[in-house]
Amino acid sequence: MPESGDADVLIVGAGPAALFSVFQLGIYGLRCHLVDTLDRPGGQCAVLYPDKPIYDVPGFPEIAGSELTGRLLQQGARFAPLFAFGRTVLEIGCDRAGQWQASLDDGGCIGARHVVLATGLGRFSVTDGGNGPALEPGPAAQWPLRRERGAFSVDPGTLETSQPGLFAIGDACDYPGKVKLILSAFHEAALATQQIRRRIAGGSKPQVEYTTTSRRVRQRLGVAGA
């Protein structure tokens, strides 16, 4: 039986792109379930540079990976995301009813109506002979999706992979003109969110709602005077 809970979107990965997706999807009323091989959120920020300064995040002259992770978690916490750490997605498939099913390495299964792949550059092993974490391709490298330059090929206008309804963002995706920066991943999270809304609306283009003006969004954010 799939562990669907109350989640609408399954996100494979829990790095910065995935965590910002929680917020983007949340402001439109969509709850997320994130699965990550690591025992904590943050992806590369948690493993490779938790204390290393990052200088190219808009609005922050300098911010460490651990602080960025914490702020993204805080930003999305109001939407009550579900997390499954220390678990790896082995396969993903869609049934006839349009429900996605993710099979996990512990025998479990998570179901959701929509899926965003935020698998980064691969999977981190716990140790590498005492020399720190090692990055390996992981099961995602074998999934039957079109790939370019070691990442999932996506439509740059929708972030959709070669499998309709399956999206990829951040380092997990590639398209012409792709720039591998955290700020690009945040943009991709926002764009994938709008495409998921479009699928929910049956193909019609949804109206973008702004946190500064939308009463409905502000109510979801719990902003006083919404």
N, C-alpha and C. Protein backbone atom coordinates (compact mmCIF):
# COMPACT_ATOMS: atom_id res chain seq x y z
N MET A 1 0.85 -1.19 0.00
CA MET A 1 0.00 0.00 0.00
C MET A 1 0.88 1.24 0.00
N PRO A 2 0.71 2.14 -0.96
CA PRO A 2 1.55 3.34 -1.02
C PRO A 2 1.40 4.23 0.21
N GLU A 3 2.50 4.88 0.59
CA GLU A 3 2.48 5.81 1.71
C GLU A 3 2.12 7.20 1.19
N SER A 4 0.93 7.36 0.71
CA SER A 4 0.56 8.62 0.07
C SER A 4 0.30 9.73 1.09
N GLY A 5 -0.21 9.37 2.27
CA GLY A 5 -0.53 10.39 3.26
C GLY A 5 -1.47 11.42 2.67
N ASP A 6 -1.21 12.68 2.95
CA ASP A 6 -2.01 13.76 2.40
C ASP A 6 -1.24 14.55 1.36
N ALA A 7 -0.15 13.99 0.83
CA ALA A 7 0.70 14.72 -0.10
C ALA A 7 0.13 14.69 -1.52
N ASP A 8 0.33 15.80 -2.22
CA ASP A 8 -0.09 15.91 -3.62
C ASP A 8 1.07 15.69 -4.57
N VAL A 9 2.27 16.06 -4.13
CA VAL A 9 3.45 16.01 -4.99
C VAL A 9 4.57 15.25 -4.30
N LEU A 10 5.14 14.27 -5.01
CA LEU A 10 6.32 13.56 -4.54
C LEU A 10 7.54 14.27 -5.10
N ILE A 11 8.48 14.62 -4.24
CA ILE A 11 9.73 15.23 -4.67
C ILE A 11 10.86 14.28 -4.32
N VAL A 12 11.61 13.86 -5.31
CA VAL A 12 12.73 12.94 -5.09
C VAL A 12 13.97 13.79 -4.89
N GLY A 13 14.42 13.86 -3.65
CA GLY A 13 15.53 14.72 -3.28
C GLY A 13 15.08 15.73 -2.23
N ALA A 14 16.02 16.26 -1.47
CA ALA A 14 15.68 17.25 -0.44
C ALA A 14 16.75 18.33 -0.35
N GLY A 15 17.35 18.67 -1.50
CA GLY A 15 18.30 19.76 -1.56
C GLY A 15 17.60 21.10 -1.70
N PRO A 16 18.33 22.18 -1.95
CA PRO A 16 17.73 23.51 -2.04
C PRO A 16 16.60 23.62 -3.06
N ALA A 17 16.76 23.04 -4.25
CA ALA A 17 15.70 23.12 -5.26
C ALA A 17 14.44 22.44 -4.77
N ALA A 18 14.59 21.28 -4.13
CA ALA A 18 13.43 20.56 -3.60
C ALA A 18 12.76 21.34 -2.48
N LEU A 19 13.57 21.92 -1.59
CA LEU A 19 13.00 22.64 -0.45
C LEU A 19 12.27 23.90 -0.90
N PHE A 20 12.77 24.57 -1.93
CA PHE A 20 12.05 25.75 -2.42
C PHE A 20 10.76 25.34 -3.14
N SER A 21 10.77 24.15 -3.72
CA SER A 21 9.55 23.63 -4.36
C SER A 21 8.44 23.45 -3.33
N VAL A 22 8.80 23.08 -2.12
CA VAL A 22 7.81 22.93 -1.05
C VAL A 22 7.05 24.24 -0.87
N PHE A 23 7.80 25.35 -0.87
CA PHE A 23 7.17 26.65 -0.71
C PHE A 23 6.34 27.02 -1.93
N GLN A 24 6.92 26.88 -3.11
CA GLN A 24 6.22 27.25 -4.34
C GLN A 24 4.92 26.47 -4.51
N LEU A 25 4.98 25.18 -4.30
CA LEU A 25 3.78 24.35 -4.42
C LEU A 25 2.81 24.63 -3.28
N GLY A 26 3.36 24.91 -2.11
CA GLY A 26 2.52 25.14 -0.93
C GLY A 26 1.64 26.36 -1.05
N ILE A 27 2.14 27.43 -1.66
CA ILE A 27 1.32 28.65 -1.74
C ILE A 27 0.12 28.45 -2.66
N TYR A 28 0.14 27.36 -3.43
CA TYR A 28 -1.02 27.05 -4.27
C TYR A 28 -1.82 25.87 -3.71
N GLY A 29 -1.57 25.55 -2.45
CA GLY A 29 -2.37 24.54 -1.77
C GLY A 29 -1.94 23.11 -2.01
N LEU A 30 -0.72 22.88 -2.49
CA LEU A 30 -0.23 21.53 -2.77
C LEU A 30 0.80 21.12 -1.72
N ARG A 31 0.56 19.98 -1.11
CA ARG A 31 1.46 19.48 -0.07
C ARG A 31 2.45 18.48 -0.66
N CYS A 32 3.68 18.50 -0.16
CA CYS A 32 4.77 17.70 -0.73
C CYS A 32 5.24 16.59 0.20
N HIS A 33 5.72 15.51 -0.41
CA HIS A 33 6.36 14.41 0.29
C HIS A 33 7.75 14.27 -0.32
N LEU A 34 8.81 14.52 0.46
CA LEU A 34 10.18 14.47 -0.03
C LEU A 34 10.87 13.20 0.43
N VAL A 35 11.63 12.58 -0.48
CA VAL A 35 12.38 11.37 -0.18
C VAL A 35 13.84 11.62 -0.51
N ASP A 36 14.74 11.31 0.41
CA ASP A 36 16.17 11.53 0.17
C ASP A 36 17.00 10.44 0.82
N THR A 37 18.05 10.03 0.11
CA THR A 37 18.94 9.00 0.63
C THR A 37 19.67 9.46 1.89
N LEU A 38 19.96 10.73 1.97
CA LEU A 38 20.65 11.27 3.15
C LEU A 38 19.76 11.20 4.39
N ASP A 39 20.37 11.36 5.54
CA ASP A 39 19.62 11.32 6.80
C ASP A 39 19.15 12.70 7.23
N ARG A 40 19.29 13.70 6.35
CA ARG A 40 18.92 15.08 6.68
C ARG A 40 18.69 15.85 5.38
N PRO A 41 18.01 16.98 5.47
CA PRO A 41 17.79 17.79 4.27
C PRO A 41 19.02 18.63 3.93
N GLY A 42 19.03 19.17 2.71
CA GLY A 42 20.09 20.09 2.31
C GLY A 42 20.89 19.66 1.11
N GLY A 43 20.91 18.35 0.79
CA GLY A 43 21.66 17.89 -0.37
C GLY A 43 23.12 18.28 -0.28
N GLN A 44 23.66 18.85 -1.37
CA GLN A 44 25.07 19.25 -1.38
C GLN A 44 25.38 20.27 -0.29
N CYS A 45 24.42 21.14 0.01
CA CYS A 45 24.65 22.15 1.05
C CYS A 45 24.90 21.49 2.40
N ALA A 46 24.28 20.35 2.65
CA ALA A 46 24.44 19.66 3.92
C ALA A 46 25.70 18.80 3.96
N VAL A 47 26.07 18.25 2.79
CA VAL A 47 27.16 17.28 2.77
C VAL A 47 28.50 17.92 2.40
N LEU A 48 28.52 18.76 1.37
CA LEU A 48 29.79 19.27 0.85
C LEU A 48 30.22 20.60 1.45
N TYR A 49 29.26 21.49 1.71
CA TYR A 49 29.67 22.81 2.23
C TYR A 49 28.66 23.40 3.21
N PRO A 50 28.40 22.70 4.32
CA PRO A 50 27.49 23.27 5.32
C PRO A 50 28.01 24.57 5.92
N ASP A 51 29.34 24.70 6.03
CA ASP A 51 29.92 25.90 6.65
C ASP A 51 30.61 26.81 5.63
N LYS A 52 30.59 26.41 4.37
CA LYS A 52 31.26 27.20 3.34
C LYS A 52 30.38 28.35 2.88
N PRO A 53 30.91 29.56 2.79
CA PRO A 53 30.10 30.70 2.35
C PRO A 53 29.67 30.56 0.88
N ILE A 54 28.41 30.90 0.61
CA ILE A 54 27.88 30.97 -0.75
C ILE A 54 27.60 32.44 -1.04
N TYR A 55 28.03 32.91 -2.19
CA TYR A 55 27.96 34.35 -2.46
C TYR A 55 26.97 34.72 -3.57
N ASP A 56 26.31 33.73 -4.20
CA ASP A 56 25.47 34.06 -5.34
C ASP A 56 23.99 33.73 -5.12
N VAL A 57 23.53 33.80 -3.87
CA VAL A 57 22.12 33.66 -3.58
C VAL A 57 21.52 35.07 -3.49
N PRO A 58 20.54 35.40 -4.30
CA PRO A 58 19.99 36.76 -4.30
C PRO A 58 19.56 37.21 -2.90
N GLY A 59 19.96 38.43 -2.55
CA GLY A 59 19.56 39.00 -1.27
C GLY A 59 20.48 38.67 -0.12
N PHE A 60 21.45 37.76 -0.35
CA PHE A 60 22.38 37.38 0.71
C PHE A 60 23.81 37.61 0.22
N PRO A 61 24.47 38.65 0.68
CA PRO A 61 25.86 38.85 0.28
C PRO A 61 26.73 37.64 0.59
N GLU A 62 26.35 36.92 1.66
CA GLU A 62 27.08 35.72 2.05
C GLU A 62 26.16 34.88 2.92
N ILE A 63 26.09 33.57 2.62
CA ILE A 63 25.29 32.67 3.44
C ILE A 63 25.88 31.27 3.37
N ALA A 64 25.98 30.60 4.51
CA ALA A 64 26.53 29.25 4.55
C ALA A 64 25.47 28.25 4.10
N GLY A 65 25.92 27.09 3.62
CA GLY A 65 25.00 26.07 3.15
C GLY A 65 24.01 25.63 4.21
N SER A 66 24.48 25.50 5.44
CA SER A 66 23.58 25.06 6.51
C SER A 66 22.53 26.12 6.82
N GLU A 67 22.93 27.40 6.77
CA GLU A 67 21.96 28.46 7.04
C GLU A 67 20.93 28.55 5.92
N LEU A 68 21.37 28.40 4.67
CA LEU A 68 20.44 28.42 3.54
C LEU A 68 19.43 27.28 3.68
N THR A 69 19.91 26.11 4.04
CA THR A 69 19.01 24.97 4.24
C THR A 69 18.00 25.27 5.33
N GLY A 70 18.47 25.84 6.44
CA GLY A 70 17.57 26.16 7.54
C GLY A 70 16.51 27.17 7.16
N ARG A 71 16.90 28.16 6.39
CA ARG A 71 15.94 29.19 5.97
C ARG A 71 14.91 28.62 5.00
N LEU A 72 15.33 27.74 4.11
CA LEU A 72 14.40 27.11 3.18
C LEU A 72 13.42 26.20 3.92
N LEU A 73 13.91 25.48 4.91
CA LEU A 73 13.03 24.64 5.73
C LEU A 73 12.01 25.49 6.47
N GLN A 74 12.47 26.61 7.02
CA GLN A 74 11.57 27.51 7.74
C GLN A 74 10.51 28.08 6.80
N GLN A 75 10.93 28.43 5.60
CA GLN A 75 10.02 29.01 4.62
C GLN A 75 8.91 28.04 4.23
N GLY A 76 9.25 26.75 4.12
CA GLY A 76 8.26 25.77 3.70
C GLY A 76 7.52 25.07 4.82
N ALA A 77 7.96 25.27 6.07
CA ALA A 77 7.40 24.54 7.21
C ALA A 77 5.91 24.76 7.38
N ARG A 78 5.42 25.96 7.05
CA ARG A 78 4.00 26.28 7.24
C ARG A 78 3.10 25.40 6.38
N PHE A 79 3.68 24.74 5.37
CA PHE A 79 2.88 23.89 4.49
C PHE A 79 2.99 22.41 4.86
N ALA A 80 3.57 22.12 6.01
CA ALA A 80 3.62 20.78 6.60
C ALA A 80 4.06 19.69 5.63
N PRO A 81 5.24 19.83 5.02
CA PRO A 81 5.71 18.78 4.12
C PRO A 81 6.05 17.50 4.88
N LEU A 82 5.98 16.39 4.19
CA LEU A 82 6.37 15.10 4.75
C LEU A 82 7.79 14.79 4.28
N PHE A 83 8.60 14.19 5.14
CA PHE A 83 9.97 13.85 4.79
C PHE A 83 10.22 12.36 5.04
N ALA A 84 10.95 11.74 4.13
CA ALA A 84 11.39 10.36 4.30
C ALA A 84 12.89 10.35 4.05
N PHE A 85 13.69 10.39 5.12
CA PHE A 85 15.13 10.42 5.00
C PHE A 85 15.71 9.01 5.12
N GLY A 86 16.92 8.83 4.59
CA GLY A 86 17.57 7.54 4.65
C GLY A 86 16.90 6.49 3.80
N ARG A 87 16.18 6.93 2.78
CA ARG A 87 15.47 5.99 1.89
C ARG A 87 15.73 6.42 0.45
N THR A 88 15.88 5.44 -0.43
CA THR A 88 16.21 5.71 -1.83
C THR A 88 15.10 5.24 -2.75
N VAL A 89 14.73 6.09 -3.69
CA VAL A 89 13.74 5.71 -4.70
C VAL A 89 14.45 4.87 -5.76
N LEU A 90 13.99 3.63 -5.94
CA LEU A 90 14.59 2.73 -6.92
C LEU A 90 13.96 2.88 -8.30
N GLU A 91 12.63 2.97 -8.32
CA GLU A 91 11.90 3.07 -9.58
C GLU A 91 10.70 3.97 -9.42
N ILE A 92 10.26 4.56 -10.53
CA ILE A 92 9.06 5.39 -10.54
C ILE A 92 8.21 4.98 -11.74
N GLY A 93 6.93 4.79 -11.51
CA GLY A 93 6.03 4.43 -12.59
C GLY A 93 4.67 5.06 -12.38
N CYS A 94 3.91 5.16 -13.47
CA CYS A 94 2.58 5.77 -13.42
C CYS A 94 1.55 4.71 -13.77
N ASP A 95 0.50 4.57 -12.94
CA ASP A 95 -0.52 3.57 -13.21
C ASP A 95 -1.58 4.13 -14.15
N ARG A 96 -2.56 3.31 -14.49
CA ARG A 96 -3.57 3.71 -15.46
C ARG A 96 -4.44 4.85 -14.97
N ALA A 97 -4.51 5.02 -13.68
CA ALA A 97 -5.32 6.10 -13.11
C ALA A 97 -4.56 7.42 -13.06
N GLY A 98 -3.30 7.41 -13.53
CA GLY A 98 -2.51 8.62 -13.52
C GLY A 98 -1.81 8.89 -12.20
N GLN A 99 -1.75 7.90 -11.33
CA GLN A 99 -1.09 8.02 -10.04
C GLN A 99 0.34 7.50 -10.15
N TRP A 100 1.29 8.31 -9.68
CA TRP A 100 2.69 7.88 -9.70
C TRP A 100 3.00 7.04 -8.46
N GLN A 101 3.81 6.01 -8.66
CA GLN A 101 4.23 5.15 -7.57
C GLN A 101 5.75 5.08 -7.56
N ALA A 102 6.34 5.35 -6.41
CA ALA A 102 7.79 5.29 -6.24
C ALA A 102 8.13 4.11 -5.34
N SER A 103 8.91 3.17 -5.87
CA SER A 103 9.34 2.01 -5.10
C SER A 103 10.64 2.35 -4.38
N LEU A 104 10.71 2.04 -3.08
CA LEU A 104 11.87 2.40 -2.26
C LEU A 104 12.75 1.21 -1.95
N ASP A 105 13.97 1.49 -1.55
CA ASP A 105 14.93 0.42 -1.29
C ASP A 105 14.60 -0.40 -0.06
N ASP A 106 13.72 0.09 0.81
CA ASP A 106 13.35 -0.67 1.99
C ASP A 106 12.06 -1.47 1.78
N GLY A 107 11.60 -1.54 0.53
CA GLY A 107 10.39 -2.27 0.22
C GLY A 107 9.13 -1.44 0.25
N GLY A 108 9.24 -0.19 0.69
CA GLY A 108 8.07 0.68 0.76
C GLY A 108 7.72 1.27 -0.59
N CYS A 109 6.62 1.98 -0.61
CA CYS A 109 6.14 2.61 -1.84
C CYS A 109 5.42 3.91 -1.48
N ILE A 110 5.72 4.95 -2.22
CA ILE A 110 5.07 6.24 -1.98
C ILE A 110 4.32 6.64 -3.24
N GLY A 111 3.07 7.02 -3.09
CA GLY A 111 2.25 7.42 -4.21
C GLY A 111 1.93 8.90 -4.18
N ALA A 112 1.81 9.50 -5.34
CA ALA A 112 1.44 10.92 -5.45
C ALA A 112 0.92 11.17 -6.85
N ARG A 113 0.15 12.23 -6.98
CA ARG A 113 -0.42 12.56 -8.27
C ARG A 113 0.60 13.22 -9.21
N HIS A 114 1.60 13.88 -8.61
CA HIS A 114 2.60 14.59 -9.41
C HIS A 114 3.98 14.30 -8.83
N VAL A 115 5.01 14.33 -9.70
CA VAL A 115 6.38 14.02 -9.25
C VAL A 115 7.36 15.05 -9.79
N VAL A 116 8.25 15.51 -8.91
CA VAL A 116 9.35 16.40 -9.29
C VAL A 116 10.66 15.71 -8.92
N LEU A 117 11.54 15.54 -9.90
CA LEU A 117 12.84 14.95 -9.65
C LEU A 117 13.84 16.06 -9.32
N ALA A 118 14.37 16.00 -8.12
CA ALA A 118 15.39 16.96 -7.68
C ALA A 118 16.55 16.16 -7.11
N THR A 119 17.01 15.20 -7.91
CA THR A 119 18.00 14.23 -7.46
C THR A 119 19.43 14.75 -7.49
N GLY A 120 19.62 15.99 -7.92
CA GLY A 120 20.96 16.57 -7.93
C GLY A 120 21.89 15.86 -8.89
N LEU A 121 23.15 15.77 -8.49
CA LEU A 121 24.17 15.15 -9.34
C LEU A 121 24.27 13.65 -9.13
N GLY A 122 23.53 13.12 -8.18
CA GLY A 122 23.59 11.69 -7.89
C GLY A 122 23.28 11.43 -6.43
N ARG A 123 23.75 10.30 -5.95
CA ARG A 123 23.48 9.89 -4.57
C ARG A 123 24.78 9.87 -3.77
N PHE A 124 24.74 10.45 -2.57
CA PHE A 124 25.90 10.44 -1.70
C PHE A 124 25.92 9.16 -0.87
N SER A 125 27.10 8.51 -0.85
CA SER A 125 27.29 7.39 0.06
C SER A 125 27.64 7.96 1.42
N VAL A 126 27.48 7.15 2.46
CA VAL A 126 27.73 7.63 3.81
C VAL A 126 29.19 7.97 4.03
N THR A 127 30.09 7.08 3.59
CA THR A 127 31.52 7.32 3.76
C THR A 127 32.25 6.87 2.51
N ASP A 128 33.49 7.30 2.40
CA ASP A 128 34.34 6.90 1.28
C ASP A 128 35.71 6.54 1.84
N GLY A 129 35.75 5.41 2.54
CA GLY A 129 37.01 4.97 3.11
C GLY A 129 37.61 5.95 4.10
N GLY A 130 36.72 6.69 4.79
CA GLY A 130 37.21 7.65 5.76
C GLY A 130 37.56 8.99 5.16
N ASN A 131 37.39 9.13 3.84
CA ASN A 131 37.75 10.39 3.18
C ASN A 131 36.55 11.28 2.90
N GLY A 132 35.45 10.98 3.52
CA GLY A 132 34.27 11.81 3.32
C GLY A 132 33.28 11.17 2.38
N PRO A 133 32.15 11.82 2.14
CA PRO A 133 31.09 11.26 1.31
C PRO A 133 31.51 11.15 -0.15
N ALA A 134 31.02 10.11 -0.80
CA ALA A 134 31.30 9.91 -2.22
C ALA A 134 30.00 10.05 -3.00
N LEU A 135 30.11 10.62 -4.18
CA LEU A 135 28.94 10.80 -5.03
C LEU A 135 28.90 9.70 -6.06
N GLU A 136 27.77 9.02 -6.17
CA GLU A 136 27.60 7.94 -7.12
C GLU A 136 26.32 8.17 -7.91
N PRO A 137 26.18 7.56 -9.10
CA PRO A 137 25.01 7.81 -9.94
C PRO A 137 23.69 7.47 -9.26
N GLY A 138 23.63 6.33 -8.56
CA GLY A 138 22.39 5.92 -7.92
C GLY A 138 21.39 5.36 -8.91
N PRO A 139 20.26 4.87 -8.43
CA PRO A 139 19.26 4.24 -9.30
C PRO A 139 18.71 5.16 -10.38
N ALA A 140 18.67 6.47 -10.12
CA ALA A 140 18.08 7.41 -11.08
C ALA A 140 18.79 7.36 -12.43
N ALA A 141 20.06 6.98 -12.43
CA ALA A 141 20.83 6.93 -13.68
C ALA A 141 20.29 5.87 -14.63
N GLN A 142 19.52 4.90 -14.10
CA GLN A 142 19.00 3.81 -14.92
C GLN A 142 17.54 4.02 -15.32
N TRP A 143 16.94 5.08 -14.88
CA TRP A 143 15.53 5.29 -15.22
C TRP A 143 15.40 5.59 -16.70
N PRO A 144 14.35 5.07 -17.36
CA PRO A 144 14.20 5.21 -18.82
C PRO A 144 13.74 6.60 -19.24
N LEU A 145 14.58 7.58 -19.00
CA LEU A 145 14.29 8.96 -19.36
C LEU A 145 15.44 9.49 -20.22
N ARG A 146 15.13 10.37 -21.16
CA ARG A 146 16.16 10.95 -22.01
C ARG A 146 17.11 11.77 -21.15
N ARG A 147 18.40 11.67 -21.45
CA ARG A 147 19.41 12.36 -20.66
C ARG A 147 20.38 13.12 -21.57
N GLU A 148 20.92 14.19 -21.04
CA GLU A 148 21.97 14.97 -21.70
C GLU A 148 22.94 15.45 -20.64
N ARG A 149 24.22 15.31 -20.93
CA ARG A 149 25.28 15.80 -20.03
C ARG A 149 25.08 15.31 -18.59
N GLY A 150 24.64 14.05 -18.48
CA GLY A 150 24.51 13.43 -17.17
C GLY A 150 23.28 13.82 -16.38
N ALA A 151 22.33 14.51 -17.03
CA ALA A 151 21.12 14.94 -16.33
C ALA A 151 19.90 14.62 -17.18
N PHE A 152 18.71 14.72 -16.58
CA PHE A 152 17.49 14.46 -17.32
C PHE A 152 17.20 15.61 -18.28
N SER A 153 16.96 15.30 -19.54
CA SER A 153 16.61 16.31 -20.52
C SER A 153 15.19 16.78 -20.27
N VAL A 154 14.99 18.08 -20.22
CA VAL A 154 13.66 18.63 -19.99
C VAL A 154 13.34 19.70 -21.03
N ASP A 155 12.07 19.95 -21.21
CA ASP A 155 11.62 21.07 -22.02
C ASP A 155 11.89 22.34 -21.21
N PRO A 156 12.67 23.27 -21.73
CA PRO A 156 13.01 24.47 -20.93
C PRO A 156 11.81 25.34 -20.59
N GLY A 157 10.71 25.16 -21.32
CA GLY A 157 9.52 25.96 -21.03
C GLY A 157 8.60 25.35 -20.00
N THR A 158 8.81 24.05 -19.71
CA THR A 158 7.91 23.37 -18.77
C THR A 158 8.63 22.59 -17.68
N LEU A 159 9.92 22.30 -17.89
CA LEU A 159 10.73 21.45 -17.00
C LEU A 159 10.22 20.01 -16.99
N GLU A 160 9.47 19.63 -18.01
CA GLU A 160 8.96 18.27 -18.12
C GLU A 160 10.00 17.39 -18.80
N THR A 161 10.19 16.19 -18.28
CA THR A 161 11.14 15.23 -18.85
C THR A 161 10.52 14.57 -20.08
N SER A 162 11.21 13.58 -20.62
CA SER A 162 10.69 12.84 -21.76
C SER A 162 9.47 12.00 -21.38
N GLN A 163 9.19 11.87 -20.10
CA GLN A 163 7.99 11.19 -19.62
C GLN A 163 6.96 12.24 -19.23
N PRO A 164 5.86 12.36 -19.97
CA PRO A 164 4.86 13.39 -19.65
C PRO A 164 4.40 13.32 -18.19
N GLY A 165 4.36 14.48 -17.58
CA GLY A 165 3.91 14.55 -16.19
C GLY A 165 5.00 14.35 -15.16
N LEU A 166 6.22 14.09 -15.63
CA LEU A 166 7.36 13.89 -14.72
C LEU A 166 8.33 15.05 -14.93
N PHE A 167 8.58 15.83 -13.87
CA PHE A 167 9.38 17.04 -13.97
C PHE A 167 10.73 16.87 -13.31
N ALA A 168 11.72 17.64 -13.75
CA ALA A 168 13.04 17.61 -13.13
C ALA A 168 13.56 19.04 -13.01
N ILE A 169 14.23 19.32 -11.89
CA ILE A 169 14.73 20.67 -11.61
C ILE A 169 16.12 20.61 -11.00
N GLY A 170 16.78 21.76 -10.95
CA GLY A 170 18.10 21.82 -10.32
C GLY A 170 19.14 21.06 -11.12
N ASP A 171 20.15 20.55 -10.44
CA ASP A 171 21.21 19.81 -11.12
C ASP A 171 20.71 18.53 -11.77
N ALA A 172 19.50 18.11 -11.45
CA ALA A 172 18.95 16.89 -12.03
C ALA A 172 18.52 17.08 -13.48
N CYS A 173 18.38 18.33 -13.93
CA CYS A 173 17.85 18.57 -15.28
C CYS A 173 18.86 19.27 -16.17
N ASP A 174 18.64 19.12 -17.48
CA ASP A 174 19.47 19.81 -18.46
C ASP A 174 18.61 20.26 -19.63
N TYR A 175 18.94 21.41 -20.20
CA TYR A 175 18.25 21.95 -21.37
C TYR A 175 19.17 22.99 -22.01
N PRO A 176 18.92 23.37 -23.25
CA PRO A 176 19.79 24.36 -23.89
C PRO A 176 19.85 25.66 -23.09
N GLY A 177 21.06 26.11 -22.84
CA GLY A 177 21.24 27.34 -22.07
C GLY A 177 21.22 27.16 -20.57
N LYS A 178 21.16 25.93 -20.11
CA LYS A 178 21.12 25.65 -18.67
C LYS A 178 22.35 26.24 -17.97
N VAL A 179 22.11 26.96 -16.88
CA VAL A 179 23.18 27.50 -16.04
C VAL A 179 23.05 26.84 -14.67
N LYS A 180 24.08 26.13 -14.24
CA LYS A 180 24.00 25.40 -12.99
C LYS A 180 24.34 26.30 -11.80
N LEU A 181 23.33 27.05 -11.38
CA LEU A 181 23.43 27.90 -10.21
C LEU A 181 22.21 27.64 -9.32
N ILE A 182 22.35 27.91 -8.03
CA ILE A 182 21.22 27.73 -7.13
C ILE A 182 20.05 28.61 -7.55
N LEU A 183 20.33 29.83 -7.97
CA LEU A 183 19.24 30.73 -8.36
C LEU A 183 18.49 30.18 -9.57
N SER A 184 19.19 29.46 -10.47
CA SER A 184 18.52 28.83 -11.61
C SER A 184 17.58 27.73 -11.12
N ALA A 185 18.03 26.98 -10.13
CA ALA A 185 17.20 25.91 -9.58
C ALA A 185 15.93 26.46 -8.95
N PHE A 186 16.04 27.62 -8.29
CA PHE A 186 14.85 28.22 -7.69
C PHE A 186 13.86 28.64 -8.77
N HIS A 187 14.36 29.19 -9.87
CA HIS A 187 13.49 29.55 -10.99
C HIS A 187 12.80 28.30 -11.55
N GLU A 188 13.57 27.23 -11.69
CA GLU A 188 13.01 25.99 -12.24
C GLU A 188 11.93 25.42 -11.33
N ALA A 189 12.12 25.56 -10.02
CA ALA A 189 11.10 25.10 -9.08
C ALA A 189 9.80 25.87 -9.28
N ALA A 190 9.92 27.18 -9.49
CA ALA A 190 8.73 28.00 -9.71
C ALA A 190 8.05 27.65 -11.02
N LEU A 191 8.84 27.42 -12.07
CA LEU A 191 8.28 27.10 -13.37
C LEU A 191 7.60 25.73 -13.36
N ALA A 192 8.23 24.73 -12.73
CA ALA A 192 7.61 23.40 -12.64
C ALA A 192 6.30 23.48 -11.87
N THR A 193 6.26 24.31 -10.84
CA THR A 193 5.03 24.48 -10.06
C THR A 193 3.89 24.95 -10.95
N GLN A 194 4.16 25.93 -11.81
CA GLN A 194 3.11 26.45 -12.68
C GLN A 194 2.64 25.39 -13.68
N GLN A 195 3.55 24.54 -14.12
CA GLN A 195 3.15 23.48 -15.05
C GLN A 195 2.32 22.40 -14.36
N ILE A 196 2.64 22.12 -13.11
CA ILE A 196 1.82 21.18 -12.35
C ILE A 196 0.43 21.75 -12.16
N ARG A 197 0.34 23.03 -11.86
CA ARG A 197 -0.98 23.68 -11.75
C ARG A 197 -1.74 23.60 -13.06
N ARG A 198 -1.02 23.73 -14.16
CA ARG A 198 -1.65 23.66 -15.48
C ARG A 198 -2.23 22.27 -15.72
N ARG A 199 -1.51 21.25 -15.32
CA ARG A 199 -2.01 19.88 -15.48
C ARG A 199 -3.25 19.66 -14.61
N ILE A 200 -3.23 20.20 -13.42
CA ILE A 200 -4.37 20.08 -12.52
C ILE A 200 -5.59 20.78 -13.13
N ALA A 201 -5.33 21.89 -13.82
CA ALA A 201 -6.42 22.67 -14.43
C ALA A 201 -6.88 22.10 -15.77
N GLY A 202 -6.34 20.93 -16.14
CA GLY A 202 -6.77 20.31 -17.38
C GLY A 202 -6.15 20.90 -18.63
N GLY A 203 -5.03 21.59 -18.48
CA GLY A 203 -4.32 22.14 -19.62
C GLY A 203 -4.44 23.63 -19.78
N SER A 204 -5.39 24.24 -19.12
CA SER A 204 -5.53 25.69 -19.22
C SER A 204 -4.44 26.37 -18.38
N LYS A 205 -3.98 27.52 -18.84
CA LYS A 205 -2.90 28.22 -18.16
C LYS A 205 -3.42 28.89 -16.89
N PRO A 206 -2.87 28.52 -15.74
CA PRO A 206 -3.35 29.12 -14.48
C PRO A 206 -2.79 30.52 -14.29
N GLN A 207 -3.48 31.30 -13.53
CA GLN A 207 -3.02 32.65 -13.24
C GLN A 207 -1.99 32.60 -12.11
N VAL A 208 -0.89 33.27 -12.32
CA VAL A 208 0.12 33.36 -11.27
C VAL A 208 -0.41 34.24 -10.15
N GLU A 209 -0.29 33.76 -8.92
CA GLU A 209 -0.74 34.53 -7.76
C GLU A 209 0.49 35.00 -6.98
N TYR A 210 0.48 36.25 -6.60
CA TYR A 210 1.66 36.85 -5.98
C TYR A 210 1.49 36.95 -4.46
N THR A 211 2.57 36.67 -3.76
CA THR A 211 2.52 36.71 -2.30
C THR A 211 2.21 38.10 -1.77
N THR A 212 2.48 39.13 -2.57
CA THR A 212 2.25 40.50 -2.13
C THR A 212 0.82 40.97 -2.33
N THR A 213 0.06 40.30 -3.22
CA THR A 213 -1.27 40.80 -3.56
C THR A 213 -2.39 39.77 -3.45
N SER A 214 -2.08 38.49 -3.54
CA SER A 214 -3.13 37.47 -3.54
C SER A 214 -3.64 37.20 -2.12
N ARG A 215 -4.92 37.45 -1.90
CA ARG A 215 -5.50 37.21 -0.59
C ARG A 215 -5.43 35.72 -0.24
N ARG A 216 -5.71 34.86 -1.24
CA ARG A 216 -5.69 33.43 -0.97
C ARG A 216 -4.30 32.95 -0.58
N VAL A 217 -3.27 33.41 -1.29
CA VAL A 217 -1.90 33.03 -0.97
C VAL A 217 -1.51 33.55 0.41
N ARG A 218 -1.87 34.78 0.71
CA ARG A 218 -1.52 35.36 2.00
C ARG A 218 -2.21 34.65 3.14
N GLN A 219 -3.40 34.15 2.90
CA GLN A 219 -4.10 33.36 3.91
C GLN A 219 -3.36 32.05 4.16
N ARG A 220 -2.88 31.44 3.10
CA ARG A 220 -2.11 30.20 3.25
C ARG A 220 -0.79 30.44 3.98
N LEU A 221 -0.23 31.63 3.78
CA LEU A 221 1.01 31.98 4.46
C LEU A 221 0.76 32.38 5.92
N GLY A 222 -0.50 32.60 6.26
CA GLY A 222 -0.83 33.01 7.63
C GLY A 222 -0.38 34.42 7.91
N VAL A 223 -0.37 35.27 6.88
CA VAL A 223 0.07 36.66 7.05
C VAL A 223 -1.05 37.47 7.70
N ALA A 224 -0.72 38.19 8.71
CA ALA A 224 -1.69 39.01 9.41
C ALA A 224 -2.29 40.03 8.44
N GLY A 225 -3.60 40.21 8.53
CA GLY A 225 -4.28 41.16 7.67
C GLY A 225 -4.46 40.69 6.26
N ALA A 226 -4.36 39.35 6.03
CA ALA A 226 -4.49 38.81 4.68
C ALA A 226 -5.84 39.10 4.08
